[in-house]
Amino acid sequence: MADYDAAATATAPAGHGPSSFPLEEQWSYASPLAQAETPIVADGTVVVPLSGGGLVALNAASGDEQWQATRGSYAGGLPAVADDTIVLRSDIATGHHLDAVDLADGSRQWQADAVDESGEKTRLVVADRLVYDVRRTTLTVWDLVTGERCTRLRLSGTAFGITGLAVADGTVYLTTEEVVGDEVSSRGVVAFDPQRGAVDWTYRDGGIGDITVVDGTIYVVVGDRLQALATDTGDEVWHVDTDNYSPSVTAAADRLLVTDRESVTAFATDGGEEQWRRTDVGTNAVIRAGETVFAVGGTQWELHALGADDGATRWRENLIWEATSAAVADGTLFVVNAEGQVYAYA
């Protein structure tokens, strides 16, 4: 699945990625109803949100359709899967909802009324059987099994609201943008304890971009700057300039990958020293799987497999359409292109 964990590391578990190269196309899928969005993969099933509403489930090995479920208009943000349950947002005639469906057959397990707020929605996150749903200025936490609401954090006085989240060791870390109320300032990070329903700390100088958490350190990107913050206090540990405008960050124990549509750069997690840079490889999505980095899309319509230690090319594939998102599981790379088609490479 994309992001792979609640901490948003975009690093696949060991053994999930392809182990030998070159890769070959195994199958492709195009929905007759609507374009595919970012896929998530669990238990041999590729779950694909459809832009026209609903989900389609494909066999990861063959690409055969297993089931399809219509859930009104897909309301944005990456769905989440845990404990054989898929959680996604949906907008239907009766209002805005959070739906939980069974991974095996797409049947509905529960539906909850969600906050009606327009604007950008972050990915859904599941951690410790809690579902974290952000809609503009509001974080709502739900019970994965029952669909009951556990707690809610609403940021007041915000011009734009919450832009990203990661969950680690029971704490929710939110990036915020243009907050002007008393509780958080503009361009900040907020640490929230869902068990107490209280804010632990706020950081007031950054955090409007991507966020990830690894080994007690938060990493955020702000424009062309990469920052490391302590999880317990929010104090800055270090920061470096990346020369990547509005990039995303991928984290593992030994290095960070900062990417944009024109480049991929590796930094050490301890101190932020640059380790390698590829200015000929841009990306719309990046995934680390073991010692391989998969860079998908960017200004050049290509797929790349790079060595995580040195950035050297292990495999490259030219595409007819730009790749927009990807996932890695079961030794296979799953890619969605700009035409909404799904491809599997192994």
C-alpha atoms as a PDB file:
ATOM      1  CA  MET A   1       0.000   0.000   0.000  1.00  0.00           C
ATOM      2  CA  ALA A   2       1.073   3.608  -0.348  1.00  0.00           C
ATOM      3  CA  ASP A   3       2.845   5.117   2.711  1.00  0.00           C
ATOM      4  CA  TYR A   4       2.867   1.570   4.217  1.00  0.00           C
ATOM      5  CA  ASP A   5       2.455   2.607   7.832  1.00  0.00           C
ATOM      6  CA  ALA A   6       0.799   5.138  10.071  1.00  0.00           C
ATOM      7  CA  ALA A   7       4.057   7.088  10.357  1.00  0.00           C
ATOM      8  CA  ALA A   8       3.986   7.808   6.580  1.00  0.00           C
ATOM      9  CA  THR A   9       7.492   6.476   5.908  1.00  0.00           C
ATOM     10  CA  ALA A  10       6.689   5.200   2.359  1.00  0.00           C
ATOM     11  CA  THR A  11       9.069   2.339   3.145  1.00  0.00           C
ATOM     12  CA  ALA A  12       7.696  -1.127   2.387  1.00  0.00           C
ATOM     13  CA  PRO A  13       8.258  -3.956   4.886  1.00  0.00           C
ATOM     14  CA  ALA A  14      11.228  -6.219   4.240  1.00  0.00           C
ATOM     15  CA  GLY A  15      10.731  -8.665   1.384  1.00  0.00           C
ATOM     16  CA  HIS A  16       7.788  -6.849  -0.211  1.00  0.00           C
ATOM     17  CA  GLY A  17       9.615  -5.401  -3.205  1.00  0.00           C
ATOM     18  CA  PRO A  18      10.897  -7.102  -6.363  1.00  0.00           C
ATOM     19  CA  SER A  19      14.264  -8.722  -5.737  1.00  0.00           C
ATOM     20  CA  SER A  20      15.628  -9.085  -9.277  1.00  0.00           C
ATOM     21  CA  PHE A  21      15.755  -6.939 -12.393  1.00  0.00           C
ATOM     22  CA  PRO A  22      14.728  -6.208 -15.090  1.00  0.00           C
ATOM     23  CA  LEU A  23      11.026  -6.203 -14.307  1.00  0.00           C
ATOM     24  CA  GLU A  24       8.414  -7.270 -16.833  1.00  0.00           C
ATOM     25  CA  GLU A  25       4.770  -6.261 -17.128  1.00  0.00           C
ATOM     26  CA  GLN A  26       2.591  -9.023 -15.665  1.00  0.00           C
ATOM     27  CA  TRP A  27      -0.905  -7.643 -16.238  1.00  0.00           C
ATOM     28  CA  SER A  28      -2.893  -4.436 -16.694  1.00  0.00           C
ATOM     29  CA  TYR A  29      -6.388  -3.323 -15.738  1.00  0.00           C
ATOM     30  CA  ALA A  30      -8.637  -0.489 -16.919  1.00  0.00           C
ATOM     31  CA  SER A  31     -12.021   0.006 -15.279  1.00  0.00           C
ATOM     32  CA  PRO A  32     -14.900   0.461 -17.741  1.00  0.00           C
ATOM     33  CA  LEU A  33     -16.613   2.759 -15.221  1.00  0.00           C
ATOM     34  CA  ALA A  34     -14.021   5.266 -14.024  1.00  0.00           C
ATOM     35  CA  GLN A  35     -10.314   6.002 -13.694  1.00  0.00           C
ATOM     36  CA  ALA A  36      -8.244   4.297 -11.016  1.00  0.00           C
ATOM     37  CA  GLU A  37      -6.694   6.265  -8.160  1.00  0.00           C
ATOM     38  CA  THR A  38      -3.762   5.340  -5.853  1.00  0.00           C
ATOM     39  CA  PRO A  39      -3.862   1.575  -5.085  1.00  0.00           C
ATOM     40  CA  ILE A  40      -3.462  -0.105  -1.720  1.00  0.00           C
ATOM     41  CA  VAL A  41      -2.405  -3.750  -1.405  1.00  0.00           C
ATOM     42  CA  ALA A  42      -3.179  -6.254   1.359  1.00  0.00           C
ATOM     43  CA  ASP A  43      -3.394 -10.056   1.604  1.00  0.00           C
ATOM     44  CA  GLY A  44      -2.923 -10.653  -2.120  1.00  0.00           C
ATOM     45  CA  THR A  45      -5.566  -8.085  -3.107  1.00  0.00           C
ATOM     46  CA  VAL A  46      -5.052  -4.766  -4.911  1.00  0.00           C
ATOM     47  CA  VAL A  47      -7.755  -2.333  -3.825  1.00  0.00           C
ATOM     48  CA  VAL A  48      -8.236   0.543  -6.266  1.00  0.00           C
ATOM     49  CA  PRO A  49     -10.419   3.591  -5.516  1.00  0.00           C
ATOM     50  CA  LEU A  50     -12.340   4.761  -8.585  1.00  0.00           C
ATOM     51  CA  SER A  51     -12.685   8.431  -9.453  1.00  0.00           C
ATOM     52  CA  GLY A  52     -16.385   7.940 -10.221  1.00  0.00           C
ATOM     53  CA  GLY A  53     -17.031   6.469  -6.772  1.00  0.00           C
ATOM     54  CA  GLY A  54     -16.480   3.131  -5.087  1.00  0.00           C
ATOM     55  CA  LEU A  55     -13.763   0.521  -5.082  1.00  0.00           C
ATOM     56  CA  VAL A  56     -12.580  -2.346  -7.233  1.00  0.00           C
ATOM     57  CA  ALA A  57     -10.572  -5.272  -5.833  1.00  0.00           C
ATOM     58  CA  LEU A  58      -8.113  -7.144  -8.081  1.00  0.00           C
ATOM     59  CA  ASN A  59      -6.181 -10.346  -7.571  1.00  0.00           C
ATOM     60  CA  ALA A  60      -2.587  -9.178  -7.088  1.00  0.00           C
ATOM     61  CA  ALA A  61      -1.124 -12.125  -8.991  1.00  0.00           C
ATOM     62  CA  SER A  62      -3.434 -12.155 -12.041  1.00  0.00           C
ATOM     63  CA  GLY A  63      -5.170  -8.771 -12.165  1.00  0.00           C
ATOM     64  CA  ASP A  64      -8.573 -10.491 -12.268  1.00  0.00           C
ATOM     65  CA  GLU A  65     -11.417  -8.504 -10.747  1.00  0.00           C
ATOM     66  CA  GLN A  66     -12.592 -10.037  -7.455  1.00  0.00           C
ATOM     67  CA  TRP A  67     -15.358  -7.596  -6.518  1.00  0.00           C
ATOM     68  CA  GLN A  68     -16.565  -4.059  -7.035  1.00  0.00           C
ATOM     69  CA  ALA A  69     -18.454  -1.882  -4.559  1.00  0.00           C
ATOM     70  CA  THR A  70     -20.168   1.437  -5.202  1.00  0.00           C
ATOM     71  CA  ARG A  71     -20.042   3.860  -2.306  1.00  0.00           C
ATOM     72  CA  GLY A  72     -21.374   7.097  -3.762  1.00  0.00           C
ATOM     73  CA  SER A  73     -18.827   9.665  -4.864  1.00  0.00           C
ATOM     74  CA  TYR A  74     -15.299   8.889  -3.715  1.00  0.00           C
ATOM     75  CA  ALA A  75     -14.474  11.858  -1.489  1.00  0.00           C
ATOM     76  CA  GLY A  76     -10.697  11.983  -1.819  1.00  0.00           C
ATOM     77  CA  GLY A  77      -7.687  11.131   0.304  1.00  0.00           C
ATOM     78  CA  LEU A  78      -6.022   7.720   0.221  1.00  0.00           C
ATOM     79  CA  PRO A  79      -8.105   4.943   1.853  1.00  0.00           C
ATOM     80  CA  ALA A  80      -6.588   2.746   4.560  1.00  0.00           C
ATOM     81  CA  VAL A  81      -6.641  -1.007   5.187  1.00  0.00           C
ATOM     82  CA  ALA A  82      -6.060  -2.953   8.405  1.00  0.00           C
ATOM     83  CA  ASP A  83      -7.387  -6.172   9.962  1.00  0.00           C
ATOM     84  CA  ASP A  84      -9.126  -7.135   6.685  1.00  0.00           C
ATOM     85  CA  THR A  85     -11.070  -3.850   6.729  1.00  0.00           C
ATOM     86  CA  ILE A  86     -10.871  -1.036   4.166  1.00  0.00           C
ATOM     87  CA  VAL A  87     -11.815   2.468   5.317  1.00  0.00           C
ATOM     88  CA  LEU A  88     -12.631   5.211   2.820  1.00  0.00           C
ATOM     89  CA  ARG A  89     -14.477   8.503   2.552  1.00  0.00           C
ATOM     90  CA  SER A  90     -17.692   8.801   0.527  1.00  0.00           C
ATOM     91  CA  ASP A  91     -20.119  11.578  -0.328  1.00  0.00           C
ATOM     92  CA  ILE A  92     -23.674  10.472  -1.090  1.00  0.00           C
ATOM     93  CA  ALA A  93     -27.122  12.080  -1.086  1.00  0.00           C
ATOM     94  CA  THR A  94     -27.487  11.621   2.674  1.00  0.00           C
ATOM     95  CA  GLY A  95     -24.241  13.448   3.493  1.00  0.00           C
ATOM     96  CA  HIS A  96     -20.532  12.949   4.092  1.00  0.00           C
ATOM     97  CA  HIS A  97     -19.503   9.590   5.461  1.00  0.00           C
ATOM     98  CA  LEU A  98     -16.696   7.288   6.478  1.00  0.00           C
ATOM     99  CA  ASP A  99     -17.267   3.739   5.193  1.00  0.00           C
ATOM    100  CA  ALA A 100     -15.688   0.489   6.399  1.00  0.00           C
ATOM    101  CA  VAL A 101     -15.905  -2.458   4.000  1.00  0.00           C
ATOM    102  CA  ASP A 102     -14.717  -6.062   4.144  1.00  0.00           C
ATOM    103  CA  LEU A 103     -11.505  -6.749   2.209  1.00  0.00           C
ATOM    104  CA  ALA A 104     -12.790 -10.196   1.181  1.00  0.00           C
ATOM    105  CA  ASP A 105     -16.005  -9.181  -0.616  1.00  0.00           C
ATOM    106  CA  GLY A 106     -16.544  -5.406  -0.316  1.00  0.00           C
ATOM    107  CA  SER A 107     -19.555  -5.715   1.978  1.00  0.00           C
ATOM    108  CA  ARG A 108     -20.161  -2.788   4.311  1.00  0.00           C
ATOM    109  CA  GLN A 109     -19.199  -3.266   7.971  1.00  0.00           C
ATOM    110  CA  TRP A 110     -20.236   0.170   9.221  1.00  0.00           C
ATOM    111  CA  GLN A 111     -20.812   3.745   8.120  1.00  0.00           C
ATOM    112  CA  ALA A 112     -20.242   6.903  10.184  1.00  0.00           C
ATOM    113  CA  ASP A 113     -21.305  10.496   9.613  1.00  0.00           C
ATOM    114  CA  ALA A 114     -18.232  12.622   8.929  1.00  0.00           C
ATOM    115  CA  VAL A 115     -17.466  16.322   9.252  1.00  0.00           C
ATOM    116  CA  ASP A 116     -18.762  18.386   6.332  1.00  0.00           C
ATOM    117  CA  GLU A 117     -15.732  20.508   5.449  1.00  0.00           C
ATOM    118  CA  SER A 118     -14.560  21.391   1.966  1.00  0.00           C
ATOM    119  CA  GLY A 119     -10.909  21.586   1.027  1.00  0.00           C
ATOM    120  CA  GLU A 120      -7.963  19.212   0.730  1.00  0.00           C
ATOM    121  CA  LYS A 121      -8.255  15.883   2.557  1.00  0.00           C
ATOM    122  CA  THR A 122      -5.216  13.959   3.762  1.00  0.00           C
ATOM    123  CA  ARG A 123      -4.790  10.197   3.553  1.00  0.00           C
ATOM    124  CA  LEU A 124      -6.707   8.094   6.074  1.00  0.00           C
ATOM    125  CA  VAL A 125      -4.541   6.414   8.719  1.00  0.00           C
ATOM    126  CA  VAL A 126      -5.195   3.310  10.837  1.00  0.00           C
ATOM    127  CA  ALA A 127      -3.062   2.597  13.907  1.00  0.00           C
ATOM    128  CA  ASP A 128      -3.845   0.393  16.912  1.00  0.00           C
ATOM    129  CA  ARG A 129      -7.406  -0.144  15.640  1.00  0.00           C
ATOM    130  CA  LEU A 130      -8.091   3.580  15.499  1.00  0.00           C
ATOM    131  CA  VAL A 131      -8.956   5.432  12.261  1.00  0.00           C
ATOM    132  CA  TYR A 132      -7.614   8.970  11.838  1.00  0.00           C
ATOM    133  CA  ASP A 133      -9.603  11.179   9.435  1.00  0.00           C
ATOM    134  CA  VAL A 134      -8.576  14.777   8.629  1.00  0.00           C
ATOM    135  CA  ARG A 135     -10.926  17.162   6.810  1.00  0.00           C
ATOM    136  CA  ARG A 136      -9.505  20.643   6.476  1.00  0.00           C
ATOM    137  CA  THR A 137      -9.505  21.957  10.094  1.00  0.00           C
ATOM    138  CA  THR A 138     -10.713  18.844  11.927  1.00  0.00           C
ATOM    139  CA  LEU A 139      -9.125  15.563  13.008  1.00  0.00           C
ATOM    140  CA  THR A 140     -11.617  12.857  13.975  1.00  0.00           C
ATOM    141  CA  VAL A 141     -10.583   9.547  15.537  1.00  0.00           C
ATOM    142  CA  TRP A 142     -12.861   6.506  15.066  1.00  0.00           C
ATOM    143  CA  ASP A 143     -12.888   2.950  16.387  1.00  0.00           C
ATOM    144  CA  LEU A 144     -11.959   0.619  13.495  1.00  0.00           C
ATOM    145  CA  VAL A 145     -14.165  -2.232  14.702  1.00  0.00           C
ATOM    146  CA  THR A 146     -17.367  -0.397  15.686  1.00  0.00           C
ATOM    147  CA  GLY A 147     -17.204   2.888  13.785  1.00  0.00           C
ATOM    148  CA  GLU A 148     -17.830   4.843  16.982  1.00  0.00           C
ATOM    149  CA  ARG A 149     -16.216   8.275  17.345  1.00  0.00           C
ATOM    150  CA  CYS A 150     -13.478   8.317  19.998  1.00  0.00           C
ATOM    151  CA  THR A 151     -12.265  11.929  20.009  1.00  0.00           C
ATOM    152  CA  ARG A 152     -12.009  15.022  17.837  1.00  0.00           C
ATOM    153  CA  LEU A 153      -9.584  17.946  17.461  1.00  0.00           C
ATOM    154  CA  ARG A 154     -10.837  21.057  15.707  1.00  0.00           C
ATOM    155  CA  LEU A 155      -8.379  23.852  14.973  1.00  0.00           C
ATOM    156  CA  SER A 156     -10.031  27.253  15.264  1.00  0.00           C
ATOM    157  CA  GLY A 157      -9.113  30.375  13.363  1.00  0.00           C
ATOM    158  CA  THR A 158      -7.489  28.570  10.439  1.00  0.00           C
ATOM    159  CA  ALA A 159      -7.280  29.938   6.931  1.00  0.00           C
ATOM    160  CA  PHE A 160      -6.271  26.639   5.303  1.00  0.00           C
ATOM    161  CA  GLY A 161      -6.109  23.999   8.023  1.00  0.00           C
ATOM    162  CA  ILE A 162      -4.373  20.632   8.363  1.00  0.00           C
ATOM    163  CA  THR A 163      -2.213  19.528   5.442  1.00  0.00           C
ATOM    164  CA  GLY A 164      -0.771  16.185   6.577  1.00  0.00           C
ATOM    165  CA  LEU A 165      -0.526  13.669   9.402  1.00  0.00           C
ATOM    166  CA  ALA A 166       1.535  10.803  10.767  1.00  0.00           C
ATOM    167  CA  VAL A 167       0.912   8.577  13.791  1.00  0.00           C
ATOM    168  CA  ALA A 168       3.701   7.053  15.874  1.00  0.00           C
ATOM    169  CA  ASP A 169       3.752   5.542  19.379  1.00  0.00           C
ATOM    170  CA  GLY A 170       0.203   6.670  20.107  1.00  0.00           C
ATOM    171  CA  THR A 171       0.713  10.341  19.156  1.00  0.00           C
ATOM    172  CA  VAL A 172      -0.703  12.119  16.104  1.00  0.00           C
ATOM    173  CA  TYR A 173       1.557  14.648  14.371  1.00  0.00           C
ATOM    174  CA  LEU A 174      -0.277  17.159  12.157  1.00  0.00           C
ATOM    175  CA  THR A 175       1.194  19.659   9.720  1.00  0.00           C
ATOM    176  CA  THR A 176      -0.803  22.884   9.569  1.00  0.00           C
ATOM    177  CA  GLU A 177      -0.834  25.870   7.275  1.00  0.00           C
ATOM    178  CA  GLU A 178      -1.777  29.506   7.957  1.00  0.00           C
ATOM    179  CA  VAL A 179      -3.185  28.938  11.433  1.00  0.00           C
ATOM    180  CA  VAL A 180      -3.853  32.293  13.105  1.00  0.00           C
ATOM    181  CA  GLY A 181      -5.736  31.302  16.271  1.00  0.00           C
ATOM    182  CA  ASP A 182      -4.361  31.210  19.822  1.00  0.00           C
ATOM    183  CA  GLU A 183      -3.486  27.514  19.898  1.00  0.00           C
ATOM    184  CA  VAL A 184      -1.206  27.122  16.864  1.00  0.00           C
ATOM    185  CA  SER A 185       0.595  29.594  14.657  1.00  0.00           C
ATOM    186  CA  SER A 186       1.098  29.786  10.921  1.00  0.00           C
ATOM    187  CA  ARG A 187       3.035  26.982   9.235  1.00  0.00           C
ATOM    188  CA  GLY A 188       3.347  24.614  12.160  1.00  0.00           C
ATOM    189  CA  VAL A 189       3.345  21.084  13.515  1.00  0.00           C
ATOM    190  CA  VAL A 190       0.902  19.968  16.225  1.00  0.00           C
ATOM    191  CA  ALA A 191       1.391  16.883  18.449  1.00  0.00           C
ATOM    192  CA  PHE A 192      -1.958  15.495  19.662  1.00  0.00           C
ATOM    193  CA  ASP A 193      -2.605  12.710  22.184  1.00  0.00           C
ATOM    194  CA  PRO A 194      -5.864  10.973  21.132  1.00  0.00           C
ATOM    195  CA  GLN A 195      -6.178   9.113  24.434  1.00  0.00           C
ATOM    196  CA  ARG A 196      -6.220  12.322  26.480  1.00  0.00           C
ATOM    197  CA  GLY A 197      -7.814  14.377  23.720  1.00  0.00           C
ATOM    198  CA  ALA A 198      -5.181  17.062  24.270  1.00  0.00           C
ATOM    199  CA  VAL A 199      -2.415  18.871  22.358  1.00  0.00           C
ATOM    200  CA  ASP A 200       1.042  17.996  23.707  1.00  0.00           C
ATOM    201  CA  TRP A 201       3.006  20.681  21.912  1.00  0.00           C
ATOM    202  CA  THR A 202       3.116  22.898  18.835  1.00  0.00           C
ATOM    203  CA  TYR A 203       6.057  23.842  16.643  1.00  0.00           C
ATOM    204  CA  ARG A 204       5.753  27.286  15.087  1.00  0.00           C
ATOM    205  CA  ASP A 205       8.257  27.497  12.242  1.00  0.00           C
ATOM    206  CA  GLY A 206       7.584  25.030   9.457  1.00  0.00           C
ATOM    207  CA  GLY A 207       5.708  21.870   8.628  1.00  0.00           C
ATOM    208  CA  ILE A 208       3.468  22.883   5.738  1.00  0.00           C
ATOM    209  CA  GLY A 209       4.685  20.093   3.500  1.00  0.00           C
ATOM    210  CA  ASP A 210       5.222  16.361   3.820  1.00  0.00           C
ATOM    211  CA  ILE A 211       5.770  14.667   7.197  1.00  0.00           C
ATOM    212  CA  THR A 212       7.126  11.317   8.388  1.00  0.00           C
ATOM    213  CA  VAL A 213       8.292   9.868  11.710  1.00  0.00           C
ATOM    214  CA  VAL A 214      11.150   7.392  12.295  1.00  0.00           C
ATOM    215  CA  ASP A 215      12.884   6.294  15.519  1.00  0.00           C
ATOM    216  CA  GLY A 216      11.759   9.197  17.687  1.00  0.00           C
ATOM    217  CA  THR A 217      12.353  11.920  15.097  1.00  0.00           C
ATOM    218  CA  ILE A 218       9.851  13.843  12.954  1.00  0.00           C
ATOM    219  CA  TYR A 219      10.934  14.920   9.482  1.00  0.00           C
ATOM    220  CA  VAL A 220       9.047  17.682   7.670  1.00  0.00           C
ATOM    221  CA  VAL A 221       9.642  19.616   4.473  1.00  0.00           C
ATOM    222  CA  VAL A 222       8.960  23.326   4.041  1.00  0.00           C
ATOM    223  CA  GLY A 223       9.587  24.703   0.569  1.00  0.00           C
ATOM    224  CA  ASP A 224      13.235  23.759  -0.049  1.00  0.00           C
ATOM    225  CA  ARG A 225      14.092  22.972   3.579  1.00  0.00           C
ATOM    226  CA  LEU A 226      14.182  19.607   5.388  1.00  0.00           C
ATOM    227  CA  GLN A 227      13.745  19.768   9.174  1.00  0.00           C
ATOM    228  CA  ALA A 228      14.182  17.197  11.959  1.00  0.00           C
ATOM    229  CA  LEU A 229      12.150  17.652  15.155  1.00  0.00           C
ATOM    230  CA  ALA A 230      12.150  15.727  18.431  1.00  0.00           C
ATOM    231  CA  THR A 231       8.886  13.804  18.939  1.00  0.00           C
ATOM    232  CA  ASP A 232       8.682  14.467  22.692  1.00  0.00           C
ATOM    233  CA  THR A 233       9.155  18.255  22.638  1.00  0.00           C
ATOM    234  CA  GLY A 234       8.903  19.473  19.036  1.00  0.00           C
ATOM    235  CA  ASP A 235      12.338  21.114  19.335  1.00  0.00           C
ATOM    236  CA  GLU A 236      14.341  21.359  16.125  1.00  0.00           C
ATOM    237  CA  VAL A 237      17.227  18.874  15.969  1.00  0.00           C
ATOM    238  CA  TRP A 238      18.667  20.036  12.640  1.00  0.00           C
ATOM    239  CA  HIS A 239      17.682  21.423   9.260  1.00  0.00           C
ATOM    240  CA  VAL A 240      19.223  21.517   5.780  1.00  0.00           C
ATOM    241  CA  ASP A 241      18.407  23.132   2.454  1.00  0.00           C
ATOM    242  CA  THR A 242      17.371  20.554  -0.138  1.00  0.00           C
ATOM    243  CA  ASP A 243      17.191  22.534  -3.404  1.00  0.00           C
ATOM    244  CA  ASN A 244      13.920  20.666  -4.042  1.00  0.00           C
ATOM    245  CA  TYR A 245      10.861  22.902  -4.216  1.00  0.00           C
ATOM    246  CA  SER A 246       7.791  21.605  -2.322  1.00  0.00           C
ATOM    247  CA  PRO A 247       9.218  18.096  -2.061  1.00  0.00           C
ATOM    248  CA  SER A 248       8.042  14.943  -0.329  1.00  0.00           C
ATOM    249  CA  VAL A 249      10.082  12.940   2.160  1.00  0.00           C
ATOM    250  CA  THR A 250      10.507   9.175   2.528  1.00  0.00           C
ATOM    251  CA  ALA A 251      12.199   7.780   5.626  1.00  0.00           C
ATOM    252  CA  ALA A 252      14.024   4.662   6.742  1.00  0.00           C
ATOM    253  CA  ALA A 253      16.373   4.027   9.647  1.00  0.00           C
ATOM    254  CA  ASP A 254      19.514   5.126   7.774  1.00  0.00           C
ATOM    255  CA  ARG A 255      18.457   7.727   5.211  1.00  0.00           C
ATOM    256  CA  LEU A 256      15.812  10.156   4.018  1.00  0.00           C
ATOM    257  CA  LEU A 257      14.740  10.543   0.402  1.00  0.00           C
ATOM    258  CA  VAL A 258      13.569  14.009  -0.624  1.00  0.00           C
ATOM    259  CA  THR A 259      11.867  14.070  -4.007  1.00  0.00           C
ATOM    260  CA  ASP A 260      10.048  16.329  -6.422  1.00  0.00           C
ATOM    261  CA  ARG A 261       9.083  16.072 -10.087  1.00  0.00           C
ATOM    262  CA  GLU A 262      12.666  16.682 -11.240  1.00  0.00           C
ATOM    263  CA  SER A 263      15.030  15.044  -8.736  1.00  0.00           C
ATOM    264  CA  VAL A 264      15.650  12.523  -5.935  1.00  0.00           C
ATOM    265  CA  THR A 265      18.124  13.281  -3.126  1.00  0.00           C
ATOM    266  CA  ALA A 266      19.240  11.065  -0.228  1.00  0.00           C
ATOM    267  CA  PHE A 267      20.133  12.572   3.170  1.00  0.00           C
ATOM    268  CA  ALA A 268      21.452  10.930   6.329  1.00  0.00           C
ATOM    269  CA  THR A 269      18.854  10.727   9.124  1.00  0.00           C
ATOM    270  CA  ASP A 270      21.582  11.710  11.593  1.00  0.00           C
ATOM    271  CA  GLY A 271      22.469  15.315  10.794  1.00  0.00           C
ATOM    272  CA  GLY A 272      21.058  15.605   7.282  1.00  0.00           C
ATOM    273  CA  GLU A 273      24.278  15.186   5.302  1.00  0.00           C
ATOM    274  CA  GLU A 274      23.597  14.710   1.583  1.00  0.00           C
ATOM    275  CA  GLN A 275      24.527  11.195   0.434  1.00  0.00           C
ATOM    276  CA  TRP A 276      23.578  11.189  -3.238  1.00  0.00           C
ATOM    277  CA  ARG A 277      21.451  13.074  -5.757  1.00  0.00           C
ATOM    278  CA  ARG A 278      19.794  12.215  -9.092  1.00  0.00           C
ATOM    279  CA  THR A 279      18.727  15.257 -11.105  1.00  0.00           C
ATOM    280  CA  ASP A 280      17.705  13.110 -14.079  1.00  0.00           C
ATOM    281  CA  VAL A 281      15.031  11.210 -12.118  1.00  0.00           C
ATOM    282  CA  GLY A 282      11.845  13.013 -11.135  1.00  0.00           C
ATOM    283  CA  THR A 283       8.929  11.425  -9.371  1.00  0.00           C
ATOM    284  CA  ASN A 284       5.236  11.681  -8.551  1.00  0.00           C
ATOM    285  CA  ALA A 285       5.620   8.836  -6.052  1.00  0.00           C
ATOM    286  CA  VAL A 286       8.607   7.219  -4.372  1.00  0.00           C
ATOM    287  CA  ILE A 287       8.761   3.940  -2.459  1.00  0.00           C
ATOM    288  CA  ARG A 288      11.675   2.336  -0.687  1.00  0.00           C
ATOM    289  CA  ALA A 289      11.645  -1.470  -0.558  1.00  0.00           C
ATOM    290  CA  GLY A 290      14.722  -2.988   1.049  1.00  0.00           C
ATOM    291  CA  GLU A 291      17.788  -1.705  -0.782  1.00  0.00           C
ATOM    292  CA  THR A 292      15.795  -0.430  -3.768  1.00  0.00           C
ATOM    293  CA  VAL A 293      14.090   2.927  -4.325  1.00  0.00           C
ATOM    294  CA  PHE A 294      11.240   2.981  -6.848  1.00  0.00           C
ATOM    295  CA  ALA A 295      10.714   6.406  -8.428  1.00  0.00           C
ATOM    296  CA  VAL A 296       7.520   6.711 -10.443  1.00  0.00           C
ATOM    297  CA  GLY A 297       6.527   9.458 -12.862  1.00  0.00           C
ATOM    298  CA  GLY A 298       7.843  13.018 -12.776  1.00  0.00           C
ATOM    299  CA  THR A 299       8.635  15.253 -15.739  1.00  0.00           C
ATOM    300  CA  GLN A 300       9.967  12.229 -17.640  1.00  0.00           C
ATOM    301  CA  TRP A 301       7.402   9.473 -18.163  1.00  0.00           C
ATOM    302  CA  GLU A 302       9.503   6.665 -16.705  1.00  0.00           C
ATOM    303  CA  LEU A 303       9.720   4.093 -13.943  1.00  0.00           C
ATOM    304  CA  HIS A 304      13.057   3.840 -12.121  1.00  0.00           C
ATOM    305  CA  ALA A 305      14.544   1.362  -9.654  1.00  0.00           C
ATOM    306  CA  LEU A 306      17.535   2.928  -7.885  1.00  0.00           C
ATOM    307  CA  GLY A 307      20.026   1.531  -5.381  1.00  0.00           C
ATOM    308  CA  ALA A 308      19.173   2.951  -1.970  1.00  0.00           C
ATOM    309  CA  ASP A 309      22.867   3.149  -0.981  1.00  0.00           C
ATOM    310  CA  ASP A 310      24.187   5.012  -4.029  1.00  0.00           C
ATOM    311  CA  GLY A 311      21.246   6.023  -6.279  1.00  0.00           C
ATOM    312  CA  ALA A 312      22.553   3.969  -9.206  1.00  0.00           C
ATOM    313  CA  THR A 313      20.002   2.783 -11.774  1.00  0.00           C
ATOM    314  CA  ARG A 314      19.017  -0.886 -11.468  1.00  0.00           C
ATOM    315  CA  TRP A 315      16.116  -0.756 -13.932  1.00  0.00           C
ATOM    316  CA  ARG A 316      14.276   1.791 -16.056  1.00  0.00           C
ATOM    317  CA  GLU A 317      11.084   1.577 -18.090  1.00  0.00           C
ATOM    318  CA  ASN A 318       9.726   4.157 -20.521  1.00  0.00           C
ATOM    319  CA  LEU A 319       5.960   4.730 -20.395  1.00  0.00           C
ATOM    320  CA  ILE A 320       3.345   5.869 -22.882  1.00  0.00           C
ATOM    321  CA  TRP A 321       1.483   7.760 -20.150  1.00  0.00           C
ATOM    322  CA  GLU A 322       2.818   9.483 -17.047  1.00  0.00           C
ATOM    323  CA  ALA A 323       2.710   7.339 -13.887  1.00  0.00           C
ATOM    324  CA  THR A 324       0.878   9.115 -11.065  1.00  0.00           C
ATOM    325  CA  SER A 325       1.030   6.682  -8.119  1.00  0.00           C
ATOM    326  CA  ALA A 326       2.336   3.270  -7.110  1.00  0.00           C
ATOM    327  CA  ALA A 327       2.498   0.559  -4.450  1.00  0.00           C
ATOM    328  CA  VAL A 328       4.840  -2.360  -3.745  1.00  0.00           C
ATOM    329  CA  ALA A 329       3.790  -5.736  -2.311  1.00  0.00           C
ATOM    330  CA  ASP A 330       4.295  -9.468  -2.859  1.00  0.00           C
ATOM    331  CA  GLY A 331       7.409  -8.904  -4.968  1.00  0.00           C
ATOM    332  CA  THR A 332       5.478  -6.722  -7.419  1.00  0.00           C
ATOM    333  CA  LEU A 333       5.406  -3.036  -8.355  1.00  0.00           C
ATOM    334  CA  PHE A 334       1.854  -1.761  -8.992  1.00  0.00           C
ATOM    335  CA  VAL A 335       1.560   1.473 -10.984  1.00  0.00           C
ATOM    336  CA  VAL A 336      -1.365   3.731 -11.923  1.00  0.00           C
ATOM    337  CA  ASN A 337      -0.924   6.050 -14.912  1.00  0.00           C
ATOM    338  CA  ALA A 338      -2.520   9.363 -15.885  1.00  0.00           C
ATOM    339  CA  GLU A 339      -5.205   7.494 -17.839  1.00  0.00           C
ATOM    340  CA  GLY A 340      -6.274   5.716 -14.647  1.00  0.00           C
ATOM    341  CA  GLN A 341      -4.993   2.277 -15.716  1.00  0.00           C
ATOM    342  CA  VAL A 342      -3.304  -0.165 -13.305  1.00  0.00           C
ATOM    343  CA  TYR A 343      -0.130  -2.097 -14.262  1.00  0.00           C
ATOM    344  CA  ALA A 344       1.785  -4.798 -12.386  1.00  0.00           C
ATOM    345  CA  TYR A 345       5.550  -5.339 -12.863  1.00  0.00           C
ATOM    346  CA  ALA A 346       7.588  -8.224 -11.459  1.00  0.00           C
END
